[in-house]
Amino acid sequence: MSPPSFWGGCEDRAPNAKNEGLIEKTDWKSQMNYKTLGLICATLILQGPAWAQQSCTDGQVLNPDTGNCEVNNGGGGGGSGGDGNDDDGLTPRLLRFLTPDAGSSFASGTEIAPTGRTSLTNVQKLPLDLTVVIDTSLSMSAPTGLPNTDTPTPGDQFNRLELVQSGVKKLLEVLPETAVVTIVDFANTAASVTEKVIDRNFDSVPDPGGSLTRAEVIDHVNNLAPNGNATNYGAALTETLDSYAGGVSAGFTVETYDRELLFLSDGQPTSLNYFAQLNALPFRGVDPLFVSLPGNSLGGNNLLQQAANNTSGRFFDYSGDAQGLFDAFSNPSELLFGITSLEITDPDGSTYSAETDAFGNFTLNAFALNEGNNVFSATALFEDGTSFTDTLTLVGTASDTMTPAVPLPAAGWMLLSVMLGGAAWSRRRKA
């Protein structure tokens, strides 16, 4: 008799592919041992080990750097709505205008198309630093039953990893040039590739290595394969934190980039020794989204939900909905990131709905500025009922000598392309 499915909480054995290789137990004593240990494991999964329980008050988390309970102001979560007044560009917000800067002046009659971004977690007035963590354990080879639209062969269906690969590639293909991307793949161990300039010893000299383009990052995702029988969250999160540290001297810091994490897994972690790394995410300015993939168990869902709660992140459950995950990657700003509508009001009072890209970036229709203050307003509504409004005031002047508007965010893209000119990459394995 095979052990019950909740046994997977300690051995990373899901009911499907991960059952392979388990020794069958036929005597009643062995069955009872499995059940007893399984119940213990299930309890740990649902509650977490005693040493990892948070004793901090509401609104605080354990800072792994100091060992103290502190308020998390570095990232993770955007609050519960409000407006965009007194924007410092760094405070976690759900929506903000990005360009031009508030209060900028232009000659009246100049056509301006402001840009902005909206997200369920946090939007800083910074370019995007995205890390995508992908589970590549053997259970990711299990079929989903969803037709594979990436192959011309009739009857082919996505396995779990292929579905993730298809979706992540779509996501990366539509990211703006200003974004930098790191891919962390993990099973027994973890590895990463990145567009960032890597400076491991912080000597301000990039470490040796060839450049990694966005196309090469996408090719790397395409070439991933199931490769291990463990789901080591700790290794994945350590690799993620190391990738942030490695970019510090190259300018990729919380003060210069908006850090987002997309964590994708179909299994329960092999061990629960990852809470310190998890708690470090907010203090590195990281805003995480945890996604439960098709085939995940109740225990796995509970742990990903707990990870989201501990980091003020968001949890999305696609454990029983392969089609929903496919749709989410096809239109992530609405389904994966929860944006249901975005309404714009121009300075003349006219309103219209705006479209967002994969990460909630949007551009307003061009508007010819009137003389004096011109107030633009954007209101985003999210699937959880949260709404957020930001306003942008631009000044139209009678002078025709003002600097003409630059079609943004192109200027920012060009700046980052210069920064990334000497990008180096690394791929490492962490136990």
Protein backbone atom coordinates (compact mmCIF):
# COMPACT_ATOMS: atom_id res chain seq x y z
CA MET A 1 0.00 0.00 0.00
CA SER A 2 1.34 3.41 -0.95
CA PRO A 3 1.61 5.99 1.80
CA PRO A 4 -1.07 8.68 2.02
CA SER A 5 -0.61 11.79 -0.09
CA PHE A 6 0.12 14.06 2.90
CA TRP A 7 3.36 12.09 3.38
CA GLY A 8 4.67 14.32 0.59
CA GLY A 9 5.07 17.17 3.08
CA CYS A 10 8.25 15.58 4.48
CA GLU A 11 9.57 13.74 1.43
CA ASP A 12 8.34 16.00 -1.36
CA ARG A 13 6.25 13.19 -2.82
CA ALA A 14 3.20 14.44 -4.65
CA PRO A 15 0.38 12.02 -5.52
CA ASN A 16 1.58 11.76 -9.14
CA ALA A 17 5.12 11.54 -10.48
CA LYS A 18 6.80 11.93 -7.10
CA ASN A 19 5.31 8.65 -5.87
CA GLU A 20 7.70 6.78 -8.13
CA GLY A 21 10.45 4.99 -6.27
CA LEU A 22 8.67 4.78 -2.92
CA ILE A 23 8.88 1.35 -1.28
CA GLU A 24 5.43 -0.12 -0.83
CA LYS A 25 4.51 -1.15 2.70
CA THR A 26 2.15 -4.08 3.21
CA ASP A 27 2.22 -4.91 6.94
CA TRP A 28 -0.13 -3.01 9.24
CA LYS A 29 2.63 -1.70 11.52
CA SER A 30 4.36 0.00 8.61
CA GLN A 31 1.06 1.46 7.46
CA MET A 32 0.45 2.87 10.90
CA ASN A 33 3.96 4.34 10.99
CA TYR A 34 3.34 6.08 7.69
CA LYS A 35 0.03 7.45 8.93
CA THR A 36 1.41 8.65 12.25
CA LEU A 37 4.42 10.35 10.69
CA GLY A 38 2.26 11.75 7.95
CA LEU A 39 -0.05 13.39 10.46
CA ILE A 40 2.95 14.94 12.20
CA CYS A 41 4.21 16.27 8.87
CA ALA A 42 0.77 17.61 7.98
CA THR A 43 0.65 19.47 11.29
CA LEU A 44 4.05 21.06 10.63
CA ILE A 45 2.99 22.04 7.14
CA LEU A 46 -0.19 23.71 8.32
CA GLN A 47 1.31 25.45 11.34
CA GLY A 48 5.07 25.64 10.71
CA PRO A 49 7.68 24.49 13.24
CA ALA A 50 7.60 26.09 16.67
CA TRP A 51 10.96 27.80 16.20
CA ALA A 52 9.73 29.50 13.04
CA GLN A 53 6.52 30.92 14.51
CA GLN A 54 6.39 34.71 14.46
CA SER A 55 6.06 36.41 17.85
CA CYS A 56 6.08 39.88 16.31
CA THR A 57 3.13 42.22 16.68
CA ASP A 58 0.84 43.01 13.77
CA GLY A 59 2.57 45.03 11.10
CA GLN A 60 6.02 43.75 12.05
CA VAL A 61 8.15 40.87 10.83
CA LEU A 62 11.39 39.33 12.00
CA ASN A 63 14.38 41.03 10.40
CA PRO A 64 16.93 38.23 9.82
CA ASP A 65 19.74 40.77 9.72
CA THR A 66 19.13 42.08 13.24
CA GLY A 67 17.01 39.37 14.88
CA ASN A 68 14.51 42.08 15.88
CA CYS A 69 10.84 42.55 15.05
CA GLU A 70 10.61 45.55 12.76
CA VAL A 71 8.11 47.31 10.57
CA ASN A 72 8.61 46.30 6.95
CA ASN A 73 8.98 49.45 4.88
CA GLY A 74 11.32 48.11 2.22
CA GLY A 75 8.76 46.36 0.04
CA GLY A 76 6.06 43.75 0.11
CA GLY A 77 2.51 44.93 -0.23
CA GLY A 78 1.00 48.15 -1.39
CA GLY A 79 -1.47 48.93 1.37
CA SER A 80 -5.25 48.99 1.09
CA GLY A 81 -5.88 51.79 -1.35
CA GLY A 82 -5.78 55.56 -1.11
CA ASP A 83 -4.47 58.29 -3.35
CA GLY A 84 -1.16 59.38 -4.75
CA ASN A 85 -0.52 62.52 -2.75
CA ASP A 86 2.92 63.20 -1.29
CA ASP A 87 4.57 60.60 -3.50
CA ASP A 88 8.24 60.06 -2.63
CA GLY A 89 8.70 57.46 -5.37
CA LEU A 90 9.70 54.69 -2.94
CA THR A 91 6.80 54.23 -0.52
CA PRO A 92 4.83 51.05 -1.42
CA ARG A 93 1.84 52.02 -3.53
CA LEU A 94 -0.65 50.16 -5.73
CA LEU A 95 -0.70 52.75 -8.50
CA ARG A 96 1.41 55.72 -9.47
CA PHE A 97 2.18 57.93 -12.42
CA LEU A 98 5.77 57.47 -13.56
CA THR A 99 6.39 60.13 -16.20
CA PRO A 100 6.64 63.06 -16.51
CA ASP A 101 7.55 64.18 -13.00
CA ALA A 102 4.72 65.86 -11.12
CA GLY A 103 4.79 69.63 -11.51
CA SER A 104 6.72 69.56 -14.80
CA SER A 105 6.09 72.54 -17.06
CA PHE A 106 5.55 72.55 -20.81
CA ALA A 107 4.38 75.14 -23.28
CA SER A 108 0.60 75.17 -23.48
CA GLY A 109 -0.61 73.15 -26.43
CA THR A 110 2.17 70.58 -26.01
CA GLU A 111 0.79 67.06 -26.34
CA ILE A 112 1.73 64.90 -23.36
CA ALA A 113 1.07 61.17 -22.89
CA PRO A 114 1.82 60.41 -19.20
CA THR A 115 2.81 56.88 -18.23
CA GLY A 116 2.17 54.90 -15.06
CA ARG A 117 2.06 51.48 -13.51
CA THR A 118 -0.34 49.57 -11.29
CA SER A 119 0.15 46.35 -9.34
CA LEU A 120 -1.41 44.32 -6.53
CA THR A 121 1.81 44.46 -4.52
CA ASN A 122 3.94 47.57 -4.86
CA VAL A 123 4.85 50.13 -7.48
CA GLN A 124 7.92 52.26 -7.05
CA LYS A 125 8.86 55.04 -9.42
CA LEU A 126 11.68 52.87 -10.68
CA PRO A 127 12.42 50.38 -13.46
CA LEU A 128 11.53 46.75 -12.82
CA ASP A 129 13.96 44.19 -11.37
CA LEU A 130 12.09 40.90 -11.84
CA THR A 131 13.12 37.52 -10.46
CA VAL A 132 11.17 34.46 -11.63
CA VAL A 133 11.67 31.33 -9.50
CA ILE A 134 10.69 28.10 -11.30
CA ASP A 135 10.27 24.68 -9.70
CA THR A 136 11.94 22.06 -11.95
CA SER A 137 11.51 19.00 -9.71
CA LEU A 138 10.42 15.72 -11.31
CA SER A 139 6.76 16.26 -10.50
CA MET A 140 6.82 19.11 -13.03
CA SER A 141 6.87 16.45 -15.78
CA ALA A 142 3.30 15.39 -14.91
CA PRO A 143 0.74 16.10 -17.65
CA THR A 144 -1.84 18.86 -17.15
CA GLY A 145 -4.45 17.68 -19.66
CA LEU A 146 -4.24 21.07 -21.39
CA PRO A 147 -3.53 20.99 -25.16
CA ASN A 148 -0.01 22.19 -25.97
CA THR A 149 -0.44 25.19 -28.23
CA ASP A 150 3.34 25.45 -28.73
CA THR A 151 3.58 22.23 -30.75
CA PRO A 152 1.99 21.33 -34.08
CA THR A 153 1.57 17.69 -33.09
CA PRO A 154 -2.14 16.87 -32.56
CA GLY A 155 -3.00 15.47 -29.16
CA ASP A 156 0.08 16.84 -27.40
CA GLN A 157 -0.58 18.36 -24.00
CA PHE A 158 1.42 20.57 -21.69
CA ASN A 159 3.16 19.04 -18.74
CA ARG A 160 3.46 21.33 -15.74
CA LEU A 161 6.91 22.68 -16.60
CA GLU A 162 6.03 23.22 -20.27
CA LEU A 163 2.98 25.22 -19.21
CA VAL A 164 5.16 27.41 -16.98
CA GLN A 165 7.81 27.76 -19.70
CA SER A 166 5.19 28.89 -22.21
CA GLY A 167 3.77 31.42 -19.79
CA VAL A 168 7.05 32.85 -18.53
CA LYS A 169 8.32 33.28 -22.08
CA LYS A 170 5.19 35.28 -22.93
CA LEU A 171 5.77 37.40 -19.86
CA LEU A 172 9.41 38.14 -20.65
CA GLU A 173 8.69 38.95 -24.28
CA VAL A 174 6.43 41.86 -23.34
CA LEU A 175 8.51 43.36 -20.53
CA PRO A 176 9.87 46.85 -21.25
CA GLU A 177 13.52 47.30 -22.07
CA THR A 178 13.97 49.07 -18.75
CA ALA A 179 13.35 45.82 -16.88
CA VAL A 180 16.13 43.45 -15.81
CA VAL A 181 15.35 39.77 -15.37
CA THR A 182 16.77 36.95 -13.25
CA ILE A 183 15.63 33.34 -13.61
CA VAL A 184 16.12 30.97 -10.66
CA ASP A 185 15.39 27.29 -11.30
CA PHE A 186 15.40 24.86 -8.41
CA ALA A 187 14.79 21.28 -7.34
CA ASN A 188 17.40 19.61 -5.10
CA THR A 189 19.61 22.69 -5.64
CA ALA A 190 19.14 26.09 -7.24
CA ALA A 191 20.78 28.02 -10.06
CA SER A 192 20.29 31.42 -11.66
CA VAL A 193 20.92 33.36 -14.82
CA THR A 194 20.55 37.13 -14.97
CA GLU A 195 20.83 40.22 -17.09
CA LYS A 196 22.43 42.08 -14.21
CA VAL A 197 26.05 43.12 -13.95
CA ILE A 198 27.48 40.76 -11.32
CA ASP A 199 30.06 41.98 -8.80
CA ARG A 200 30.37 39.27 -6.16
CA ASN A 201 33.26 40.75 -4.19
CA PHE A 202 32.02 44.35 -4.43
CA ASP A 203 35.20 45.72 -5.94
CA SER A 204 33.23 47.74 -8.52
CA VAL A 205 34.63 45.51 -11.27
CA PRO A 206 32.11 43.22 -13.01
CA ASP A 207 32.90 39.54 -12.59
CA PRO A 208 34.09 37.71 -15.73
CA GLY A 209 31.47 36.23 -17.99
CA GLY A 210 29.65 36.74 -21.28
CA SER A 211 26.71 39.07 -21.69
CA LEU A 212 23.22 37.66 -21.33
CA THR A 213 20.53 39.23 -23.48
CA ARG A 214 16.78 39.06 -22.92
CA ALA A 215 16.57 36.57 -25.79
CA GLU A 216 19.18 34.38 -24.09
CA VAL A 217 17.22 34.50 -20.84
CA ILE A 218 14.15 33.33 -22.74
CA ASP A 219 16.17 30.55 -24.39
CA HIS A 220 17.34 29.45 -20.95
CA VAL A 221 13.74 29.19 -19.76
CA ASN A 222 12.87 27.21 -22.88
CA ASN A 223 15.66 24.69 -22.17
CA LEU A 224 14.74 23.93 -18.55
CA ALA A 225 13.87 20.30 -17.79
CA PRO A 226 12.68 18.36 -14.72
CA ASN A 227 15.87 17.41 -12.89
CA GLY A 228 15.43 16.48 -9.24
CA ASN A 229 13.31 14.66 -6.67
CA ALA A 230 13.31 17.45 -4.08
CA THR A 231 11.68 20.87 -3.82
CA ASN A 232 14.24 22.95 -1.97
CA TYR A 233 12.60 26.30 -1.21
CA GLY A 234 15.59 27.27 0.93
CA ALA A 235 18.05 26.91 -1.96
CA ALA A 236 15.74 28.84 -4.28
CA LEU A 237 15.33 31.74 -1.86
CA THR A 238 19.04 31.81 -1.00
CA GLU A 239 19.87 32.01 -4.70
CA THR A 240 17.32 34.79 -5.09
CA LEU A 241 18.80 36.82 -2.25
CA ASP A 242 22.33 36.22 -3.57
CA SER A 243 21.30 37.53 -6.98
CA TYR A 244 20.17 40.78 -5.39
CA ALA A 245 23.37 41.11 -3.34
CA GLY A 246 25.52 40.40 -6.38
CA GLY A 247 24.09 43.37 -8.22
CA VAL A 248 24.48 45.97 -5.50
CA SER A 249 27.74 47.50 -6.69
CA ALA A 250 26.42 47.64 -10.23
CA GLY A 251 23.56 49.85 -9.12
CA PHE A 252 20.77 47.26 -8.83
CA THR A 253 19.59 48.21 -5.36
CA VAL A 254 16.27 48.79 -3.67
CA GLU A 255 16.82 52.52 -4.17
CA THR A 256 17.24 52.21 -7.94
CA TYR A 257 15.02 49.29 -8.99
CA ASP A 258 11.53 48.07 -8.17
CA ARG A 259 12.11 44.46 -7.11
CA GLU A 260 9.39 41.92 -7.90
CA LEU A 261 9.50 38.16 -7.30
CA LEU A 262 7.33 35.56 -9.06
CA PHE A 263 7.66 32.21 -7.23
CA LEU A 264 6.16 29.17 -9.06
CA SER A 265 5.94 25.70 -7.52
CA ASP A 266 3.79 22.56 -7.71
CA GLY A 267 5.08 20.84 -4.56
CA GLN A 268 5.56 21.07 -0.85
CA PRO A 269 9.08 22.01 0.26
CA THR A 270 11.46 19.20 1.17
CA SER A 271 12.17 20.92 4.49
CA LEU A 272 10.84 23.94 6.33
CA ASN A 273 14.28 25.49 6.87
CA TYR A 274 13.64 28.51 4.67
CA PHE A 275 11.90 30.97 6.98
CA ALA A 276 14.97 33.17 7.50
CA GLN A 277 15.40 33.60 3.74
CA LEU A 278 11.68 34.21 3.35
CA ASN A 279 11.68 36.90 6.03
CA ALA A 280 14.66 38.57 4.38
CA LEU A 281 12.69 39.36 1.22
CA PRO A 282 10.85 42.45 2.53
CA PHE A 283 14.08 43.85 3.94
CA ARG A 284 15.61 43.59 0.48
CA GLY A 285 12.73 45.60 -0.96
CA VAL A 286 11.20 42.56 -2.69
CA ASP A 287 7.49 42.31 -3.48
CA PRO A 288 6.61 38.63 -3.99
CA LEU A 289 3.85 36.76 -5.78
CA PHE A 290 3.56 33.07 -4.87
CA VAL A 291 1.81 30.87 -7.43
CA SER A 292 0.61 27.32 -6.76
CA LEU A 293 0.90 25.31 -9.97
CA PRO A 294 -1.41 22.53 -11.25
CA GLY A 295 -1.10 19.35 -9.18
CA ASN A 296 -0.07 20.99 -5.92
CA SER A 297 -1.60 19.66 -2.71
CA LEU A 298 -3.48 21.38 0.09
CA GLY A 299 -0.32 21.35 2.20
CA GLY A 300 1.67 22.99 -0.59
CA ASN A 301 -1.01 25.62 -1.07
CA ASN A 302 -1.03 26.37 2.65
CA LEU A 303 2.73 26.91 2.72
CA LEU A 304 2.70 29.21 -0.30
CA GLN A 305 -0.16 31.16 1.28
CA GLN A 306 1.86 31.37 4.50
CA ALA A 307 4.87 32.63 2.53
CA ALA A 308 2.72 35.36 1.02
CA ASN A 309 1.36 36.33 4.43
CA ASN A 310 4.85 36.48 5.99
CA THR A 311 6.15 38.78 3.25
CA SER A 312 3.04 40.92 2.67
CA GLY A 313 2.93 39.35 -0.77
CA ARG A 314 0.13 37.77 -2.79
CA PHE A 315 -0.88 34.13 -3.31
CA PHE A 316 -2.54 32.72 -6.43
CA ASP A 317 -3.95 29.18 -6.42
CA TYR A 318 -3.89 27.46 -9.82
CA SER A 319 -3.35 24.00 -8.32
CA GLY A 320 -6.55 22.72 -9.93
CA ASP A 321 -6.82 25.07 -12.87
CA ALA A 322 -4.30 24.59 -15.68
CA GLN A 323 -6.44 26.59 -18.08
CA GLY A 324 -6.65 29.43 -15.59
CA LEU A 325 -2.85 29.53 -15.31
CA PHE A 326 -2.51 29.55 -19.09
CA ASP A 327 -4.99 32.44 -19.31
CA ALA A 328 -3.20 34.28 -16.50
CA PHE A 329 0.08 34.25 -18.39
CA SER A 330 -1.71 35.23 -21.59
CA ASN A 331 -3.17 38.30 -19.90
CA PRO A 332 -1.22 38.61 -16.64
CA SER A 333 -2.06 42.18 -15.78
CA GLU A 334 -5.71 41.16 -15.36
CA LEU A 335 -5.50 37.58 -14.11
CA LEU A 336 -2.08 37.01 -12.53
CA PHE A 337 -1.79 40.50 -11.09
CA GLY A 338 -5.46 40.99 -10.37
CA ILE A 339 -6.18 44.26 -12.20
CA THR A 340 -9.80 44.33 -13.32
CA SER A 341 -10.06 47.88 -14.67
CA LEU A 342 -8.15 51.13 -15.07
CA GLU A 343 -10.04 54.37 -15.64
CA ILE A 344 -8.37 57.61 -16.73
CA THR A 345 -9.71 61.14 -16.36
CA ASP A 346 -8.09 63.84 -18.48
CA PRO A 347 -7.74 67.47 -17.33
CA ASP A 348 -10.84 68.39 -19.38
CA GLY A 349 -12.95 65.89 -17.42
CA SER A 350 -13.26 63.25 -20.14
CA THR A 351 -12.83 59.63 -19.00
CA TYR A 352 -11.80 56.43 -20.73
CA SER A 353 -10.50 52.94 -19.93
CA ALA A 354 -6.79 52.27 -20.39
CA GLU A 355 -5.02 49.01 -21.17
CA THR A 356 -2.05 47.69 -19.17
CA ASP A 357 0.80 45.43 -20.21
CA ALA A 358 2.07 42.31 -18.41
CA PHE A 359 3.14 44.21 -15.30
CA GLY A 360 0.48 46.87 -15.21
CA ASN A 361 2.35 49.54 -17.21
CA PHE A 362 0.07 51.93 -19.04
CA THR A 363 0.25 55.03 -21.25
CA LEU A 364 -2.45 57.69 -21.40
CA ASN A 365 -3.83 59.11 -24.61
CA ALA A 366 -1.91 62.19 -25.70
CA PHE A 367 -3.43 65.41 -24.32
CA ALA A 368 -2.69 68.99 -25.40
CA LEU A 369 -1.94 70.92 -22.21
CA ASN A 370 -4.00 73.98 -21.31
CA GLU A 371 -2.37 77.01 -19.74
CA GLY A 372 -2.14 76.58 -15.97
CA ASN A 373 -2.54 73.37 -13.98
CA ASN A 374 -3.57 70.21 -15.83
CA VAL A 375 -4.66 67.38 -13.52
CA PHE A 376 -4.68 63.78 -14.79
CA SER A 377 -6.28 61.06 -12.68
CA ALA A 378 -5.98 57.25 -12.83
CA THR A 379 -8.06 54.81 -10.77
CA ALA A 380 -7.29 51.09 -10.69
CA LEU A 381 -9.72 48.44 -9.43
CA PHE A 382 -8.34 45.07 -8.34
CA GLU A 383 -9.99 41.66 -8.17
CA ASP A 384 -9.92 41.67 -4.35
CA GLY A 385 -12.05 44.82 -4.26
CA THR A 386 -9.12 47.15 -3.55
CA SER A 387 -8.99 50.41 -5.50
CA PHE A 388 -6.31 53.05 -5.74
CA THR A 389 -6.22 56.51 -7.31
CA ASP A 390 -3.24 58.62 -8.31
CA THR A 391 -3.20 62.13 -9.74
CA LEU A 392 -0.60 63.94 -11.80
CA THR A 393 -0.47 67.72 -12.17
CA LEU A 394 1.41 69.22 -15.11
CA VAL A 395 1.73 72.94 -15.79
CA GLY A 396 1.03 74.56 -19.14
CA THR A 397 2.87 77.85 -19.65
CA ALA A 398 2.40 80.72 -22.04
CA SER A 399 6.07 80.44 -23.04
CA ASP A 400 7.05 78.48 -26.12
CA THR A 401 10.60 78.06 -24.86
CA MET A 402 9.90 75.16 -22.50
CA THR A 403 11.57 71.85 -23.19
CA PRO A 404 9.20 69.80 -25.36
CA ALA A 405 7.81 66.58 -23.95
CA VAL A 406 9.82 63.42 -24.48
CA PRO A 407 7.71 60.38 -25.40
CA LEU A 408 8.32 58.39 -22.24
CA PRO A 409 9.17 55.75 -21.15
CA ALA A 410 11.50 55.62 -24.15
CA ALA A 411 14.02 57.93 -22.44
CA GLY A 412 14.25 55.57 -19.48
CA TRP A 413 14.68 52.58 -21.79
CA MET A 414 17.60 54.26 -23.56
CA LEU A 415 19.25 55.07 -20.24
CA LEU A 416 19.01 51.47 -19.06
CA SER A 417 20.33 50.13 -22.35
CA VAL A 418 23.50 52.15 -21.71
CA MET A 419 23.69 50.79 -18.15
CA LEU A 420 23.32 47.23 -19.38
CA GLY A 421 25.89 47.57 -22.12
CA GLY A 422 28.47 45.51 -20.27
CA ALA A 423 26.10 43.13 -18.52
CA ALA A 424 27.66 39.90 -17.34
CA TRP A 425 25.89 36.78 -16.27
CA SER A 426 26.42 33.89 -13.96
CA ARG A 427 24.95 30.50 -13.29
CA ARG A 428 25.55 28.96 -9.92
CA ARG A 429 24.41 25.94 -7.97
CA LYS A 430 23.49 26.21 -4.30
CA ALA A 431 23.03 23.20 -2.05
